[in-house]
Amino acid sequence: MKNISIREAYIEDTQIILQFVKELATYEKAQQEVKTTLVELEESLFSEHSTAHAIICMANDKPVGFAVYFYNFSTWLGKNGLYLEDLYVSPEYRNLGAGKAILKYLANLALQKNCGRFEWSVLDWNQPAIDFYHSVGAVAQDEWITYRLSGERLTSFALS
């Protein structure tokens, strides 16, 4: 077992975060969809007005994974929730507890911040991730369908 630890990300981690984002996109067969740049990622995660946060997973003092999260709000619970946008662990460090350490860190953060829930999405074909999430007790929310407006459709609708 590797010596695994989790820490908040620093602006100096932006390059490794971008590398992990690209690796995750490649794994998800969507590398062409990564449009962000180092400068944009830096601004989005580390600027004064940032609403997203990142953590780095270390194994023996080497970055091996990351997560990006933000807070949302549930009107039904009357509480914030923690939403996990991305979780990625380099392939050679999987099955060593890194992913579980990331989830536990964020679950504890959600409790510390009095969040009513901790949520994320997974691609329906990603069976290893689905199995992993079930192994920690997570329950799929199959009754919800995610909708998205982005790119030209977002612009077109907003300006219509």
N, C-alpha and C. Protein backbone atom coordinates (compact mmCIF):
# COMPACT_ATOMS: atom_id res chain seq x y z
N MET A 1 0.84 -1.19 0.00
CA MET A 1 0.00 0.00 0.00
C MET A 1 0.87 1.23 0.00
N LYS A 2 0.57 2.14 -0.87
CA LYS A 2 1.31 3.40 -0.97
C LYS A 2 0.87 4.33 0.16
N ASN A 3 1.75 5.25 0.53
CA ASN A 3 1.43 6.28 1.51
C ASN A 3 0.56 7.34 0.82
N ILE A 4 -0.75 7.27 1.02
CA ILE A 4 -1.69 8.14 0.31
C ILE A 4 -2.15 9.26 1.22
N SER A 5 -2.15 10.48 0.67
CA SER A 5 -2.66 11.64 1.41
C SER A 5 -3.40 12.55 0.44
N ILE A 6 -4.26 13.39 1.00
CA ILE A 6 -5.05 14.34 0.22
C ILE A 6 -4.74 15.73 0.74
N ARG A 7 -4.60 16.68 -0.18
CA ARG A 7 -4.39 18.06 0.23
C ARG A 7 -5.15 18.98 -0.71
N GLU A 8 -5.43 20.19 -0.22
CA GLU A 8 -6.02 21.21 -1.08
C GLU A 8 -5.02 21.53 -2.20
N ALA A 9 -5.52 21.83 -3.37
CA ALA A 9 -4.66 22.18 -4.49
C ALA A 9 -4.22 23.64 -4.37
N TYR A 10 -3.05 23.91 -4.89
CA TYR A 10 -2.50 25.27 -4.95
C TYR A 10 -2.40 25.69 -6.41
N ILE A 11 -2.27 26.99 -6.62
CA ILE A 11 -2.17 27.50 -7.98
C ILE A 11 -1.01 26.85 -8.73
N GLU A 12 0.04 26.48 -8.01
CA GLU A 12 1.19 25.81 -8.64
C GLU A 12 0.84 24.42 -9.16
N ASP A 13 -0.31 23.89 -8.76
CA ASP A 13 -0.77 22.56 -9.20
C ASP A 13 -1.55 22.62 -10.51
N THR A 14 -1.76 23.79 -11.06
CA THR A 14 -2.63 23.93 -12.23
C THR A 14 -2.18 23.05 -13.38
N GLN A 15 -0.89 22.97 -13.63
CA GLN A 15 -0.39 22.14 -14.75
C GLN A 15 -0.73 20.67 -14.55
N ILE A 16 -0.54 20.15 -13.35
CA ILE A 16 -0.84 18.74 -13.10
C ILE A 16 -2.35 18.51 -13.15
N ILE A 17 -3.13 19.48 -12.69
CA ILE A 17 -4.59 19.35 -12.77
C ILE A 17 -5.01 19.29 -14.23
N LEU A 18 -4.46 20.16 -15.07
CA LEU A 18 -4.78 20.13 -16.49
C LEU A 18 -4.38 18.80 -17.12
N GLN A 19 -3.24 18.29 -16.72
CA GLN A 19 -2.81 16.97 -17.22
C GLN A 19 -3.82 15.89 -16.82
N PHE A 20 -4.24 15.90 -15.55
CA PHE A 20 -5.23 14.93 -15.09
C PHE A 20 -6.56 15.10 -15.82
N VAL A 21 -6.99 16.34 -16.08
CA VAL A 21 -8.23 16.60 -16.82
C VAL A 21 -8.14 15.96 -18.20
N LYS A 22 -7.01 16.14 -18.86
CA LYS A 22 -6.83 15.56 -20.20
C LYS A 22 -6.81 14.04 -20.16
N GLU A 23 -6.16 13.47 -19.14
CA GLU A 23 -6.13 12.01 -18.99
C GLU A 23 -7.54 11.47 -18.74
N LEU A 24 -8.31 12.17 -17.91
CA LEU A 24 -9.68 11.77 -17.63
C LEU A 24 -10.51 11.83 -18.91
N ALA A 25 -10.37 12.89 -19.67
CA ALA A 25 -11.12 13.04 -20.92
C ALA A 25 -10.75 11.93 -21.90
N THR A 26 -9.48 11.56 -21.96
CA THR A 26 -9.05 10.47 -22.82
C THR A 26 -9.70 9.17 -22.38
N TYR A 27 -9.69 8.91 -21.08
CA TYR A 27 -10.33 7.70 -20.54
C TYR A 27 -11.81 7.68 -20.90
N GLU A 28 -12.46 8.84 -20.85
CA GLU A 28 -13.89 8.92 -21.13
C GLU A 28 -14.18 9.08 -22.63
N LYS A 29 -13.15 8.91 -23.45
CA LYS A 29 -13.27 8.97 -24.91
C LYS A 29 -13.81 10.32 -25.37
N ALA A 30 -13.36 11.38 -24.71
CA ALA A 30 -13.85 12.73 -25.03
C ALA A 30 -12.74 13.76 -25.01
N GLN A 31 -11.52 13.34 -25.36
CA GLN A 31 -10.38 14.26 -25.28
C GLN A 31 -10.57 15.51 -26.13
N GLN A 32 -11.32 15.42 -27.22
CA GLN A 32 -11.56 16.57 -28.08
C GLN A 32 -12.45 17.61 -27.41
N GLU A 33 -13.10 17.26 -26.31
CA GLU A 33 -14.00 18.18 -25.63
C GLU A 33 -13.29 19.07 -24.60
N VAL A 34 -12.03 18.79 -24.31
CA VAL A 34 -11.30 19.63 -23.36
C VAL A 34 -10.89 20.91 -24.08
N LYS A 35 -11.49 22.00 -23.67
CA LYS A 35 -11.24 23.30 -24.30
C LYS A 35 -10.45 24.23 -23.38
N THR A 36 -10.40 23.95 -22.10
CA THR A 36 -9.78 24.85 -21.14
C THR A 36 -8.28 24.97 -21.37
N THR A 37 -7.76 26.10 -20.94
CA THR A 37 -6.31 26.34 -21.00
C THR A 37 -5.78 26.43 -19.58
N LEU A 38 -4.49 26.46 -19.47
CA LEU A 38 -3.85 26.62 -18.17
C LEU A 38 -4.31 27.91 -17.49
N VAL A 39 -4.36 28.99 -18.24
CA VAL A 39 -4.78 30.29 -17.69
C VAL A 39 -6.24 30.25 -17.25
N GLU A 40 -7.11 29.67 -18.07
CA GLU A 40 -8.53 29.58 -17.71
C GLU A 40 -8.75 28.71 -16.48
N LEU A 41 -8.03 27.61 -16.40
CA LEU A 41 -8.15 26.72 -15.25
C LEU A 41 -7.65 27.40 -13.98
N GLU A 42 -6.54 28.10 -14.10
CA GLU A 42 -6.00 28.88 -12.98
C GLU A 42 -7.04 29.88 -12.48
N GLU A 43 -7.62 30.61 -13.40
CA GLU A 43 -8.63 31.61 -13.05
C GLU A 43 -9.86 30.96 -12.42
N SER A 44 -10.31 29.86 -12.98
CA SER A 44 -11.52 29.20 -12.50
C SER A 44 -11.36 28.56 -11.12
N LEU A 45 -10.18 28.06 -10.83
CA LEU A 45 -9.98 27.35 -9.57
C LEU A 45 -9.34 28.19 -8.47
N PHE A 46 -8.56 29.20 -8.84
CA PHE A 46 -7.75 29.87 -7.82
C PHE A 46 -7.93 31.38 -7.73
N SER A 47 -8.83 31.94 -8.52
CA SER A 47 -9.02 33.39 -8.44
C SER A 47 -9.87 33.75 -7.23
N GLU A 48 -9.92 35.02 -6.96
CA GLU A 48 -10.68 35.55 -5.83
C GLU A 48 -12.17 35.20 -5.92
N HIS A 49 -12.72 35.14 -7.13
CA HIS A 49 -14.15 34.88 -7.31
C HIS A 49 -14.46 33.43 -7.69
N SER A 50 -13.50 32.55 -7.54
CA SER A 50 -13.70 31.15 -7.88
C SER A 50 -14.78 30.50 -7.01
N THR A 51 -15.61 29.67 -7.63
CA THR A 51 -16.61 28.92 -6.87
C THR A 51 -16.31 27.42 -6.88
N ALA A 52 -15.30 27.03 -7.62
CA ALA A 52 -14.88 25.63 -7.68
C ALA A 52 -13.59 25.46 -6.88
N HIS A 53 -13.38 24.25 -6.41
CA HIS A 53 -12.21 23.94 -5.59
C HIS A 53 -11.58 22.64 -6.09
N ALA A 54 -10.30 22.48 -5.81
CA ALA A 54 -9.60 21.27 -6.24
C ALA A 54 -8.79 20.70 -5.09
N ILE A 55 -8.65 19.39 -5.11
CA ILE A 55 -7.77 18.69 -4.18
C ILE A 55 -6.84 17.79 -5.00
N ILE A 56 -5.71 17.50 -4.41
CA ILE A 56 -4.71 16.64 -5.04
C ILE A 56 -4.51 15.41 -4.16
N CYS A 57 -4.48 14.27 -4.79
CA CYS A 57 -4.18 13.02 -4.09
C CYS A 57 -2.71 12.70 -4.32
N MET A 58 -2.00 12.48 -3.23
CA MET A 58 -0.57 12.20 -3.28
C MET A 58 -0.31 10.76 -2.84
N ALA A 59 0.64 10.11 -3.48
CA ALA A 59 1.13 8.80 -3.05
C ALA A 59 2.64 8.93 -2.96
N ASN A 60 3.16 8.76 -1.76
CA ASN A 60 4.59 8.94 -1.53
C ASN A 60 5.08 10.27 -2.08
N ASP A 61 4.33 11.33 -1.78
CA ASP A 61 4.67 12.71 -2.16
C ASP A 61 4.62 12.99 -3.65
N LYS A 62 3.97 12.12 -4.42
CA LYS A 62 3.82 12.32 -5.87
C LYS A 62 2.33 12.48 -6.19
N PRO A 63 1.96 13.51 -6.98
CA PRO A 63 0.54 13.64 -7.37
C PRO A 63 0.10 12.47 -8.23
N VAL A 64 -0.97 11.79 -7.80
CA VAL A 64 -1.47 10.62 -8.54
C VAL A 64 -2.93 10.75 -8.92
N GLY A 65 -3.58 11.83 -8.46
CA GLY A 65 -4.98 12.01 -8.78
C GLY A 65 -5.47 13.35 -8.29
N PHE A 66 -6.71 13.66 -8.64
CA PHE A 66 -7.28 14.94 -8.25
C PHE A 66 -8.80 14.83 -8.20
N ALA A 67 -9.40 15.84 -7.62
CA ALA A 67 -10.84 16.01 -7.69
C ALA A 67 -11.14 17.50 -7.75
N VAL A 68 -12.21 17.85 -8.43
CA VAL A 68 -12.73 19.21 -8.47
C VAL A 68 -14.16 19.14 -7.96
N TYR A 69 -14.52 20.07 -7.09
CA TYR A 69 -15.84 20.07 -6.49
C TYR A 69 -16.34 21.50 -6.30
N PHE A 70 -17.63 21.62 -6.08
CA PHE A 70 -18.23 22.91 -5.77
C PHE A 70 -19.45 22.67 -4.90
N TYR A 71 -19.99 23.73 -4.35
CA TYR A 71 -21.18 23.63 -3.51
C TYR A 71 -22.40 24.05 -4.31
N ASN A 72 -23.47 23.29 -4.13
CA ASN A 72 -24.76 23.64 -4.71
C ASN A 72 -25.74 23.82 -3.56
N PHE A 73 -27.02 23.90 -3.86
CA PHE A 73 -27.99 24.13 -2.79
C PHE A 73 -29.26 23.32 -3.05
N SER A 74 -29.79 22.72 -2.01
CA SER A 74 -31.05 21.99 -2.08
C SER A 74 -32.12 22.79 -1.36
N THR A 75 -33.13 23.22 -2.10
CA THR A 75 -34.24 23.93 -1.46
C THR A 75 -35.04 22.99 -0.57
N TRP A 76 -35.10 21.72 -0.92
CA TRP A 76 -35.87 20.77 -0.12
C TRP A 76 -35.20 20.51 1.22
N LEU A 77 -33.87 20.45 1.22
CA LEU A 77 -33.16 20.23 2.48
C LEU A 77 -32.87 21.54 3.20
N GLY A 78 -32.86 22.63 2.44
CA GLY A 78 -32.49 23.92 3.03
C GLY A 78 -31.02 23.96 3.41
N LYS A 79 -30.21 23.21 2.66
CA LYS A 79 -28.78 23.11 2.95
C LYS A 79 -27.98 23.08 1.65
N ASN A 80 -26.72 23.44 1.78
CA ASN A 80 -25.80 23.25 0.67
C ASN A 80 -25.57 21.76 0.46
N GLY A 81 -25.12 21.43 -0.73
CA GLY A 81 -24.63 20.10 -1.05
C GLY A 81 -23.25 20.25 -1.64
N LEU A 82 -22.50 19.19 -1.61
CA LEU A 82 -21.18 19.19 -2.24
C LEU A 82 -21.31 18.36 -3.51
N TYR A 83 -20.93 18.94 -4.65
CA TYR A 83 -21.00 18.25 -5.93
C TYR A 83 -19.59 17.99 -6.44
N LEU A 84 -19.31 16.73 -6.69
CA LEU A 84 -18.02 16.29 -7.22
C LEU A 84 -18.09 16.35 -8.74
N GLU A 85 -17.35 17.27 -9.33
CA GLU A 85 -17.34 17.44 -10.78
C GLU A 85 -16.45 16.41 -11.45
N ASP A 86 -15.24 16.25 -10.95
CA ASP A 86 -14.28 15.30 -11.53
C ASP A 86 -13.52 14.59 -10.42
N LEU A 87 -13.29 13.32 -10.65
CA LEU A 87 -12.39 12.52 -9.80
C LEU A 87 -11.58 11.67 -10.76
N TYR A 88 -10.26 11.71 -10.60
CA TYR A 88 -9.39 10.93 -11.47
C TYR A 88 -8.17 10.47 -10.68
N VAL A 89 -7.81 9.21 -10.90
CA VAL A 89 -6.59 8.64 -10.34
C VAL A 89 -5.83 7.98 -11.49
N SER A 90 -4.55 8.26 -11.58
CA SER A 90 -3.71 7.66 -12.63
C SER A 90 -3.83 6.15 -12.58
N PRO A 91 -3.90 5.50 -13.75
CA PRO A 91 -4.14 4.05 -13.81
C PRO A 91 -3.22 3.21 -12.92
N GLU A 92 -1.95 3.57 -12.85
CA GLU A 92 -1.02 2.74 -12.07
C GLU A 92 -1.23 2.86 -10.56
N TYR A 93 -2.07 3.80 -10.14
CA TYR A 93 -2.34 3.99 -8.71
C TYR A 93 -3.76 3.61 -8.33
N ARG A 94 -4.49 3.01 -9.26
CA ARG A 94 -5.84 2.54 -8.96
C ARG A 94 -5.76 1.25 -8.14
N ASN A 95 -6.80 0.98 -7.41
CA ASN A 95 -6.89 -0.20 -6.55
C ASN A 95 -5.92 -0.16 -5.38
N LEU A 96 -5.43 1.02 -5.03
CA LEU A 96 -4.56 1.17 -3.86
C LEU A 96 -5.23 2.02 -2.78
N GLY A 97 -6.46 2.44 -3.04
CA GLY A 97 -7.18 3.23 -2.07
C GLY A 97 -7.19 4.72 -2.33
N ALA A 98 -6.60 5.17 -3.44
CA ALA A 98 -6.54 6.60 -3.72
C ALA A 98 -7.93 7.18 -3.98
N GLY A 99 -8.72 6.53 -4.81
CA GLY A 99 -10.07 7.01 -5.10
C GLY A 99 -10.93 7.05 -3.85
N LYS A 100 -10.83 6.01 -3.05
CA LYS A 100 -11.60 5.97 -1.80
C LYS A 100 -11.14 7.07 -0.86
N ALA A 101 -9.84 7.35 -0.81
CA ALA A 101 -9.31 8.42 0.04
C ALA A 101 -9.87 9.77 -0.41
N ILE A 102 -9.96 9.99 -1.72
CA ILE A 102 -10.52 11.23 -2.24
C ILE A 102 -11.99 11.36 -1.83
N LEU A 103 -12.76 10.30 -2.03
CA LEU A 103 -14.18 10.35 -1.67
C LEU A 103 -14.37 10.57 -0.17
N LYS A 104 -13.56 9.90 0.65
CA LYS A 104 -13.67 10.07 2.11
C LYS A 104 -13.32 11.50 2.52
N TYR A 105 -12.30 12.05 1.91
CA TYR A 105 -11.91 13.44 2.20
C TYR A 105 -13.08 14.37 1.91
N LEU A 106 -13.70 14.20 0.74
CA LEU A 106 -14.81 15.06 0.35
C LEU A 106 -16.06 14.80 1.19
N ALA A 107 -16.31 13.55 1.55
CA ALA A 107 -17.45 13.23 2.42
C ALA A 107 -17.28 13.91 3.78
N ASN A 108 -16.07 13.87 4.31
CA ASN A 108 -15.81 14.54 5.58
C ASN A 108 -15.93 16.05 5.44
N LEU A 109 -15.48 16.59 4.33
CA LEU A 109 -15.63 18.03 4.08
C LEU A 109 -17.12 18.40 4.04
N ALA A 110 -17.92 17.57 3.37
CA ALA A 110 -19.37 17.81 3.30
C ALA A 110 -19.98 17.83 4.71
N LEU A 111 -19.54 16.92 5.57
CA LEU A 111 -20.03 16.91 6.94
C LEU A 111 -19.59 18.15 7.70
N GLN A 112 -18.32 18.52 7.56
CA GLN A 112 -17.80 19.71 8.23
C GLN A 112 -18.55 20.97 7.82
N LYS A 113 -18.97 21.04 6.55
CA LYS A 113 -19.66 22.22 6.02
C LYS A 113 -21.18 22.10 6.17
N ASN A 114 -21.64 21.08 6.89
CA ASN A 114 -23.06 20.87 7.15
C ASN A 114 -23.86 20.70 5.86
N CYS A 115 -23.27 20.03 4.89
CA CYS A 115 -23.97 19.76 3.63
C CYS A 115 -25.01 18.67 3.84
N GLY A 116 -26.10 18.79 3.12
CA GLY A 116 -27.16 17.79 3.21
C GLY A 116 -26.92 16.58 2.33
N ARG A 117 -26.01 16.72 1.36
CA ARG A 117 -25.71 15.59 0.48
C ARG A 117 -24.39 15.81 -0.26
N PHE A 118 -23.91 14.71 -0.80
CA PHE A 118 -22.67 14.66 -1.57
C PHE A 118 -23.02 13.89 -2.83
N GLU A 119 -22.92 14.54 -3.98
CA GLU A 119 -23.39 13.94 -5.23
C GLU A 119 -22.34 14.05 -6.33
N TRP A 120 -22.53 13.20 -7.34
CA TRP A 120 -21.70 13.24 -8.55
C TRP A 120 -22.41 12.46 -9.63
N SER A 121 -21.89 12.52 -10.83
CA SER A 121 -22.42 11.78 -11.97
C SER A 121 -21.35 10.84 -12.49
N VAL A 122 -21.80 9.80 -13.16
CA VAL A 122 -20.88 8.84 -13.78
C VAL A 122 -21.47 8.43 -15.13
N LEU A 123 -20.62 8.24 -16.09
CA LEU A 123 -21.07 7.78 -17.40
C LEU A 123 -21.66 6.38 -17.28
N ASP A 124 -22.75 6.13 -17.97
CA ASP A 124 -23.45 4.85 -17.81
C ASP A 124 -22.65 3.64 -18.27
N TRP A 125 -21.62 3.84 -19.08
CA TRP A 125 -20.80 2.73 -19.55
C TRP A 125 -19.58 2.47 -18.64
N ASN A 126 -19.34 3.33 -17.67
CA ASN A 126 -18.14 3.23 -16.84
C ASN A 126 -18.37 2.28 -15.67
N GLN A 127 -18.47 1.00 -15.98
CA GLN A 127 -18.79 -0.01 -14.98
C GLN A 127 -17.79 -0.08 -13.83
N PRO A 128 -16.47 0.06 -14.09
CA PRO A 128 -15.55 0.05 -12.94
C PRO A 128 -15.85 1.16 -11.93
N ALA A 129 -16.18 2.35 -12.42
CA ALA A 129 -16.52 3.45 -11.52
C ALA A 129 -17.85 3.18 -10.82
N ILE A 130 -18.83 2.68 -11.55
CA ILE A 130 -20.14 2.36 -10.95
C ILE A 130 -19.96 1.34 -9.84
N ASP A 131 -19.19 0.29 -10.10
CA ASP A 131 -18.94 -0.73 -9.08
C ASP A 131 -18.24 -0.13 -7.86
N PHE A 132 -17.27 0.73 -8.11
CA PHE A 132 -16.54 1.39 -7.03
C PHE A 132 -17.50 2.23 -6.18
N TYR A 133 -18.34 3.03 -6.83
CA TYR A 133 -19.27 3.88 -6.09
C TYR A 133 -20.26 3.05 -5.28
N HIS A 134 -20.73 1.95 -5.84
CA HIS A 134 -21.62 1.07 -5.08
C HIS A 134 -20.88 0.48 -3.88
N SER A 135 -19.60 0.20 -4.03
CA SER A 135 -18.83 -0.41 -2.93
C SER A 135 -18.69 0.50 -1.72
N VAL A 136 -18.83 1.81 -1.92
CA VAL A 136 -18.73 2.74 -0.79
C VAL A 136 -20.12 3.12 -0.27
N GLY A 137 -21.17 2.53 -0.84
CA GLY A 137 -22.52 2.77 -0.36
C GLY A 137 -23.30 3.82 -1.11
N ALA A 138 -22.75 4.36 -2.20
CA ALA A 138 -23.47 5.37 -2.98
C ALA A 138 -24.64 4.72 -3.71
N VAL A 139 -25.70 5.48 -3.89
CA VAL A 139 -26.91 5.00 -4.54
C VAL A 139 -27.17 5.83 -5.80
N ALA A 140 -27.37 5.14 -6.92
CA ALA A 140 -27.67 5.83 -8.18
C ALA A 140 -29.03 6.51 -8.10
N GLN A 141 -29.13 7.69 -8.67
CA GLN A 141 -30.38 8.46 -8.71
C GLN A 141 -30.97 8.32 -10.11
N ASP A 142 -31.46 7.14 -10.43
CA ASP A 142 -31.90 6.83 -11.78
C ASP A 142 -33.14 7.60 -12.23
N GLU A 143 -33.88 8.17 -11.30
CA GLU A 143 -35.11 8.85 -11.69
C GLU A 143 -34.87 10.25 -12.27
N TRP A 144 -33.64 10.75 -12.19
CA TRP A 144 -33.32 12.08 -12.69
C TRP A 144 -32.64 11.99 -14.04
N ILE A 145 -32.99 12.90 -14.93
CA ILE A 145 -32.33 13.00 -16.24
C ILE A 145 -31.61 14.34 -16.26
N THR A 146 -30.34 14.31 -16.60
CA THR A 146 -29.54 15.54 -16.66
C THR A 146 -29.78 16.22 -18.00
N TYR A 147 -30.00 17.52 -17.94
CA TYR A 147 -30.11 18.33 -19.14
C TYR A 147 -28.99 19.34 -19.16
N ARG A 148 -28.59 19.75 -20.35
CA ARG A 148 -27.47 20.69 -20.48
C ARG A 148 -27.69 21.62 -21.66
N LEU A 149 -27.38 22.88 -21.43
CA LEU A 149 -27.22 23.86 -22.51
C LEU A 149 -25.76 24.29 -22.46
N SER A 150 -25.08 24.22 -23.58
CA SER A 150 -23.67 24.66 -23.63
C SER A 150 -23.36 25.14 -25.04
N GLY A 151 -22.22 25.81 -25.14
CA GLY A 151 -21.75 26.27 -26.44
C GLY A 151 -22.77 27.11 -27.18
N GLU A 152 -22.95 26.82 -28.45
CA GLU A 152 -23.85 27.59 -29.31
C GLU A 152 -25.30 27.51 -28.84
N ARG A 153 -25.72 26.37 -28.32
CA ARG A 153 -27.10 26.24 -27.85
C ARG A 153 -27.37 27.15 -26.64
N LEU A 154 -26.39 27.23 -25.75
CA LEU A 154 -26.51 28.13 -24.60
C LEU A 154 -26.60 29.57 -25.07
N THR A 155 -25.69 29.95 -25.95
CA THR A 155 -25.67 31.31 -26.48
C THR A 155 -26.96 31.64 -27.21
N SER A 156 -27.38 30.75 -28.06
CA SER A 156 -28.59 30.96 -28.85
C SER A 156 -29.81 31.14 -27.95
N PHE A 157 -29.96 30.28 -26.96
CA PHE A 157 -31.10 30.39 -26.06
C PHE A 157 -31.05 31.67 -25.25
N ALA A 158 -29.89 31.96 -24.68
CA ALA A 158 -29.73 33.15 -23.83
C ALA A 158 -30.04 34.43 -24.59
N LEU A 159 -29.67 34.47 -25.85
CA LEU A 159 -29.85 35.69 -26.64
C LEU A 159 -31.16 35.72 -27.42
N SER A 160 -31.96 34.68 -27.28
CA SER A 160 -33.23 34.64 -28.05
C SER A 160 -34.32 35.50 -27.42
